Protein backbone atom coordinates (compact mmCIF):
# COMPACT_ATOMS: atom_id res chain seq x y z
CA MET A 1 -10.96 -5.81 -20.82
CA ASP A 2 -8.96 -2.71 -19.79
CA ARG A 3 -9.81 0.79 -20.91
CA ARG A 4 -6.97 1.06 -23.38
CA ASN A 5 -8.02 -2.07 -25.27
CA ALA A 6 -11.64 -0.96 -25.10
CA LEU A 7 -10.67 2.38 -26.59
CA LYS A 8 -8.82 0.65 -29.41
CA ILE A 9 -11.91 -1.41 -30.21
CA MET A 10 -14.02 1.73 -30.17
CA LEU A 11 -11.48 3.42 -32.42
CA THR A 12 -11.85 0.62 -34.94
CA ALA A 13 -15.58 1.21 -34.93
CA CYS A 14 -15.11 4.79 -36.10
CA SER A 15 -15.78 5.67 -39.71
CA THR A 16 -13.33 3.85 -42.00
CA ALA A 17 -14.11 6.34 -44.72
CA ALA A 18 -12.90 9.17 -42.51
CA MET A 19 -9.80 7.21 -41.60
CA ALA A 20 -8.91 6.95 -45.27
CA THR A 21 -8.84 10.70 -45.75
CA VAL A 22 -7.40 12.00 -42.47
CA PRO A 23 -4.52 11.02 -40.19
CA VAL A 24 -5.00 8.15 -37.74
CA PRO A 25 -7.92 9.17 -35.50
CA VAL A 26 -7.39 10.38 -31.97
CA LEU A 27 -7.15 7.45 -29.57
CA SER A 28 -9.46 9.09 -27.08
CA SER A 29 -11.89 10.93 -29.36
CA CYS A 30 -14.09 7.97 -30.30
CA THR A 31 -16.00 6.57 -27.37
CA GLN A 32 -19.14 5.16 -28.88
CA LYS A 33 -21.48 5.43 -31.81
CA LYS A 34 -25.02 6.58 -31.22
CA GLU A 35 -27.39 6.92 -34.15
CA GLY A 36 -24.54 7.43 -36.57
CA THR A 37 -22.65 10.01 -34.51
CA VAL A 38 -19.40 9.78 -32.57
CA GLU A 39 -19.60 11.07 -29.02
CA LYS A 40 -16.63 12.81 -27.47
CA ILE A 41 -15.31 11.65 -24.10
CA LYS A 42 -16.52 14.00 -21.38
CA ARG A 43 -13.67 13.73 -18.88
CA LEU A 44 -10.27 12.19 -19.67
CA ILE A 45 -7.83 11.86 -16.78
CA PHE A 46 -4.16 10.91 -17.07
CA PHE A 47 -2.49 9.78 -13.87
CA PHE A 48 0.85 8.62 -12.54
CA SER A 49 0.95 6.73 -9.26
CA ALA A 50 3.51 4.66 -7.37
CA THR A 51 1.59 3.89 -4.19
CA GLY A 52 -1.97 4.51 -5.33
CA ASN A 53 -2.60 7.99 -3.91
CA SER A 54 -2.87 9.74 -7.27
CA LEU A 55 -4.80 6.82 -8.76
CA TYR A 56 -7.29 7.02 -5.90
CA VAL A 57 -7.73 10.76 -6.42
CA SER A 58 -8.20 10.19 -10.17
CA LYS A 59 -10.92 7.63 -9.55
CA GLN A 60 -12.68 9.90 -7.07
CA ILE A 61 -12.57 12.91 -9.36
CA GLY A 62 -13.48 10.86 -12.40
CA GLY A 63 -16.43 9.02 -10.98
CA GLU A 64 -18.10 6.36 -13.10
CA ASP A 65 -18.14 8.27 -16.37
CA ALA A 66 -14.52 9.41 -16.76
CA THR A 67 -11.88 7.67 -18.84
CA ILE A 68 -8.77 7.21 -16.68
CA LEU A 69 -5.47 6.35 -18.36
CA SER A 70 -2.04 5.58 -16.93
CA ILE A 71 0.73 7.91 -18.05
CA ALA A 72 3.26 5.10 -17.63
CA GLN A 73 1.36 3.18 -20.31
CA GLU A 74 0.22 6.03 -22.55
CA ILE A 75 3.76 7.37 -22.87
CA HIS A 76 4.30 4.51 -25.33
CA ASN A 77 1.34 5.50 -27.50
CA GLU A 78 2.68 5.99 -31.04
CA ASN A 79 -0.09 8.48 -31.83
CA PRO A 80 -0.35 10.55 -28.63
CA VAL A 81 -3.19 12.82 -29.72
CA TYR A 82 -6.09 13.18 -27.30
CA GLU A 83 -9.41 14.98 -27.35
CA ALA A 84 -12.16 15.26 -24.76
CA GLU A 85 -14.49 17.87 -23.29
CA GLU A 86 -12.28 17.98 -20.20
CA ILE A 87 -8.71 16.73 -19.80
CA GLY A 88 -6.93 16.44 -16.47
CA PHE A 89 -3.58 15.36 -15.08
CA VAL A 90 -3.23 13.87 -11.60
CA PHE A 91 0.23 13.18 -10.21
CA PRO A 92 2.37 13.24 -7.06
CA THR A 93 4.56 16.21 -6.18
CA TYR A 94 8.26 15.35 -6.56
CA CYS A 95 10.57 18.07 -5.23
CA PHE A 96 7.84 20.65 -5.90
CA THR A 97 7.24 19.78 -9.54
CA ALA A 98 5.60 17.11 -11.66
CA PRO A 99 7.46 13.80 -12.01
CA ALA A 100 9.72 13.49 -15.06
CA ILE A 101 7.49 10.86 -16.66
CA VAL A 102 4.52 13.24 -16.46
CA GLN A 103 6.53 16.04 -18.03
CA ASP A 104 7.79 13.76 -20.80
CA PHE A 105 4.29 12.49 -21.57
CA ILE A 106 2.81 15.99 -21.83
CA ALA A 107 5.72 17.23 -23.92
CA ARG A 108 5.33 14.48 -26.54
CA SER A 109 1.53 14.54 -26.72
CA SER A 110 -1.16 16.74 -28.22
CA PHE A 111 -4.33 17.60 -26.34
CA LYS A 112 -7.60 19.28 -27.26
CA ALA A 113 -10.27 20.10 -24.69
CA ASP A 114 -12.62 22.85 -23.59
CA TYR A 115 -11.31 22.63 -20.02
CA PHE A 116 -7.94 21.51 -18.62
CA PHE A 117 -7.14 20.76 -14.99
CA GLY A 118 -4.21 19.55 -12.93
CA VAL A 119 -4.31 18.03 -9.44
CA ALA A 120 -1.11 17.36 -7.49
CA THR A 121 -1.05 15.05 -4.51
CA PHE A 122 1.48 15.97 -1.83
CA GLY A 123 2.54 15.13 1.69
CA ALA A 124 4.15 18.24 3.15
CA HIS A 125 4.56 21.08 0.65
CA THR A 126 3.79 22.06 -2.95
CA THR A 127 5.59 25.46 -2.86
CA ARG A 128 5.94 26.68 -6.48
CA LEU A 129 4.35 23.67 -8.17
CA PRO A 130 1.19 25.49 -9.36
CA GLU A 131 3.11 28.21 -11.19
CA ILE A 132 5.74 25.76 -12.46
CA PHE A 133 3.10 23.40 -13.84
CA GLN A 134 1.10 26.25 -15.35
CA ALA A 135 4.18 27.55 -17.16
CA PHE A 136 5.14 24.05 -18.31
CA THR A 137 1.73 23.22 -19.75
CA LYS A 138 1.51 26.61 -21.47
CA GLU A 139 4.89 25.95 -23.07
CA HIS A 140 3.42 22.78 -24.53
CA GLY A 141 0.24 24.31 -25.91
CA ILE A 142 -2.13 23.83 -22.96
CA ASP A 143 -3.93 26.84 -21.51
CA ILE A 144 -4.73 25.17 -18.20
CA ASN A 145 -7.83 26.36 -16.35
CA TYR A 146 -7.41 24.81 -12.95
CA ILE A 147 -4.53 23.68 -10.72
CA SER A 148 -4.99 22.55 -7.14
CA SER A 149 -3.61 19.99 -4.72
CA VAL A 150 -4.66 17.28 -2.28
CA GLN A 151 -2.65 16.54 0.85
CA MET A 152 -2.16 12.84 1.59
CA VAL A 153 0.30 10.50 3.31
CA ASP A 154 3.84 11.52 2.37
CA THR A 155 5.38 8.27 1.16
CA TYR A 156 9.00 9.40 0.81
CA LEU A 157 10.54 7.01 3.32
CA PRO A 158 13.99 8.66 3.69
CA PHE A 159 12.39 11.79 5.07
CA PHE A 160 9.00 11.16 6.67
CA ASP A 161 8.11 8.99 9.66
CA GLN A 162 5.40 6.70 8.35
CA GLU A 163 3.77 6.12 11.71
CA VAL A 164 3.24 9.85 12.06
CA GLU A 165 2.18 10.28 8.44
CA GLN A 166 -0.33 7.47 8.41
CA ALA A 167 -1.83 8.51 11.74
CA ALA A 168 -2.25 12.16 10.77
CA ASP A 169 -5.63 13.50 9.70
CA LYS A 170 -4.83 15.55 6.61
CA HIS A 171 -8.50 16.04 5.66
CA THR A 172 -7.83 14.24 2.41
CA GLU A 173 -11.41 13.27 1.65
CA GLU A 174 -12.64 16.82 2.22
CA MET A 175 -9.95 18.16 -0.10
CA ILE A 176 -10.82 15.63 -2.80
CA ALA A 177 -14.51 16.53 -2.53
CA LYS A 178 -13.68 20.24 -2.80
CA VAL A 179 -11.44 19.75 -5.83
CA LYS A 180 -14.02 17.53 -7.52
CA ALA A 181 -16.79 20.09 -6.96
CA GLU A 182 -14.64 22.89 -8.38
CA ILE A 183 -13.71 20.85 -11.44
CA ASN A 184 -17.33 19.81 -11.97
CA ALA A 185 -18.22 23.50 -11.91
CA ARG A 186 -15.37 24.19 -14.35
CA GLU A 187 -13.92 26.83 -12.09
CA ASN A 188 -10.94 28.83 -13.27
CA TYR A 189 -8.44 28.67 -10.44
CA ILE A 190 -4.68 28.40 -10.06
CA GLN A 191 -3.56 27.65 -6.51
CA PRO A 192 -1.67 30.72 -5.24
CA VAL A 193 2.05 30.59 -4.46
CA THR A 194 2.89 32.51 -1.31
CA GLU A 195 6.09 34.22 -0.21
CA GLU A 196 6.49 31.44 2.33
CA ASP A 197 6.25 28.92 -0.51
CA ASN A 198 8.97 30.76 -2.37
CA ARG A 199 11.24 30.86 0.67
CA PHE A 200 10.78 27.16 1.36
CA TYR A 201 11.48 26.31 -2.28
CA ASP A 202 14.70 28.35 -2.31
CA MET A 203 15.78 26.89 1.02
CA TYR A 204 15.19 23.33 -0.20
CA PHE A 205 17.31 23.68 -3.31
CA HIS A 206 20.07 25.71 -1.67
CA GLY A 207 23.17 23.54 -1.54
CA ARG A 208 21.44 20.59 -3.20
CA PRO A 209 22.90 19.47 -6.53
CA ARG A 210 19.46 18.83 -8.04
CA ASP A 211 18.13 19.71 -11.46
CA LYS A 212 15.10 21.89 -10.74
CA VAL A 213 13.33 20.77 -13.94
CA LYS A 214 13.42 17.03 -13.20
CA PRO A 215 14.87 16.93 -9.69
CA ALA A 216 13.80 13.39 -8.80
CA LEU A 217 14.96 11.66 -12.00
CA THR A 218 18.10 9.61 -11.41
CA ARG A 219 19.54 6.10 -11.80
CA SER A 220 17.82 3.31 -9.90
CA GLU A 221 21.10 1.68 -8.90
CA LYS A 222 22.01 4.88 -7.05
CA ILE A 223 18.77 4.91 -5.06
CA VAL A 224 17.60 1.38 -4.29
CA TYR A 225 18.98 -2.13 -3.89
CA SER A 226 17.57 -5.55 -3.00
CA THR A 227 18.58 -7.17 0.27
CA GLU A 228 19.19 -10.79 1.21
CA ASP A 229 15.46 -11.11 1.90
CA CYS A 230 14.72 -10.86 -1.81
CA ILE A 231 13.13 -14.02 -3.25
CA GLY A 232 13.04 -12.84 -6.85
CA CYS A 233 9.25 -12.61 -7.05
CA GLY A 234 9.51 -9.81 -9.63
CA ILE A 235 6.91 -7.46 -8.14
CA CYS A 236 9.50 -4.66 -8.10
CA ALA A 237 9.91 -5.12 -11.86
CA SER A 238 6.15 -5.15 -12.33
CA VAL A 239 5.51 -1.84 -10.54
CA CYS A 240 8.49 0.11 -11.92
CA PRO A 241 7.30 2.69 -14.49
CA HIS A 242 10.64 2.46 -16.29
CA GLY A 243 11.06 -1.32 -16.10
CA SER A 244 14.40 -0.81 -14.39
CA TRP A 245 14.37 -3.94 -12.24
CA LYS A 246 15.57 -7.28 -13.59
CA ILE A 247 15.66 -10.74 -12.02
CA VAL A 248 19.20 -12.12 -12.13
CA ASP A 249 19.98 -15.48 -10.53
CA LYS A 250 16.65 -15.33 -8.68
CA LYS A 251 17.45 -11.92 -7.19
CA SER A 252 16.22 -8.47 -8.16
CA VAL A 253 18.81 -6.08 -9.58
CA ALA A 254 18.13 -2.38 -10.17
CA ASN A 255 19.57 -0.77 -13.27
CA GLY A 256 18.07 2.00 -15.36
CA GLU A 257 16.14 5.25 -15.15
CA CYS A 258 14.40 5.95 -11.86
CA GLU A 259 11.61 8.39 -10.95
CA ASN A 260 12.55 8.01 -7.28
CA CYS A 261 8.88 7.10 -6.83
CA LEU A 262 9.77 4.17 -4.53
CA ALA A 263 7.02 1.97 -6.00
CA CYS A 264 9.46 -0.93 -5.80
CA VAL A 265 10.19 -0.30 -2.12
CA GLN A 266 6.62 0.31 -1.03
CA ASN A 267 5.09 -2.64 -2.89
CA CYS A 268 7.67 -5.33 -2.17
CA PRO A 269 5.85 -8.04 -0.16
CA ARG A 270 9.07 -9.02 1.64
CA LYS A 271 10.23 -5.47 2.41
CA ALA A 272 13.40 -6.63 0.68
CA ILE A 273 14.29 -3.37 -1.08
CA SER A 274 16.20 -0.67 0.75
CA ILE A 275 17.04 2.91 -0.07
CA ILE A 276 20.44 4.52 -0.47
CA PRO A 277 19.90 7.94 1.14
CA ALA A 278 20.85 10.97 -0.90
CA PRO A 279 23.07 13.68 0.65
CA MET A 280 21.33 15.78 3.32
CA GLU A 281 18.61 13.18 3.83
CA PRO A 282 18.09 11.09 6.96
CA LYS A 283 18.74 7.38 6.87
CA GLU A 284 15.90 4.99 6.15
CA GLU A 285 16.43 3.16 9.45
CA ALA A 286 13.47 4.80 11.19
CA ASN A 287 11.18 3.44 8.48
CA ARG A 288 12.91 0.10 8.05
CA ASN A 289 9.68 -1.83 8.38
CA ALA A 290 7.28 0.87 7.27
CA ARG A 291 5.60 0.55 3.90
CA TYR A 292 2.57 2.20 2.35
CA ARG A 293 0.04 1.66 -0.39
CA ASN A 294 -3.23 3.58 -0.50
CA PRO A 295 -5.74 1.35 1.32
CA ASN A 296 -8.29 1.83 -1.46
CA ILE A 297 -5.94 0.65 -4.22
CA LYS A 298 -4.87 -2.94 -4.87
CA LEU A 299 -1.39 -4.06 -5.87
CA ALA A 300 -2.86 -5.40 -9.11
CA GLU A 301 -3.95 -1.86 -10.02
CA ILE A 302 -0.43 -0.50 -9.51
CA ILE A 303 1.00 -3.31 -11.64
CA LYS A 304 -1.56 -2.68 -14.40
CA ALA A 305 -0.76 1.04 -14.36
CA ASN A 306 3.04 0.82 -14.31
CA GLN A 307 4.16 -2.55 -15.69
CA GLN A 308 6.65 -2.28 -18.56
CA ILE A 309 7.56 -5.96 -19.02
């Protein structure tokens, strides 16, 4: 039984008398009954992950006692009201901000907690992400206590040599341990943004026709396409957080919203999905046969987190 179904069962176990007099109870406020009382979830983590990096960090930070929910699934929750002692968001850095799906989920949801935290995974740079995410969450009613980042393999194939990335020691485990310890201590900390960060951010967007609010959001048919090696297995459709892949005549066809997360590319067992490089980006050729999924995360976990069909 997955956590979401388990939570629904627990929700049903909550007081029916209370349900008759108040709005539908918070999905995540009822965890269990103990001697007639309802205990609040201690740590609730929402994650978005295409290759497993952010899911792995969520599991490490959460430990055995946290409730970990997929943003790609929870964004469909018709009553997106959440309560816990601590609420966190873990997500990859896309063009120095949170992915569009993360922004959309936070914007449409209501959260109540004593302590809020955000952890961004990244490969090369975060630049202004801490201040951008702090301002965004504040705009949507969250006074966030903690924002930090964890450097991991950069999985953006059009730009980063995967042999170099996967061989590099980025001290990921040490960073995860540090972040976890700080969150456990409920530290108040917002990762500083330096002048160098500001310069790099401005340089990146200079001359690029990107929306700075949701810079990675685009149309899938403009980013990826299936090659003649495609066998129509449907894994691309299963890992797409927008369900933008369809099987037509036993071949995968991309059409619909795209996070540019490359979950379809990275998780295709035949390496049968290629990337259409955006302007000012190198060609994918150097990484033609390079693919990545966090070694601690199984394909089944990515499918469970992202599947829309």
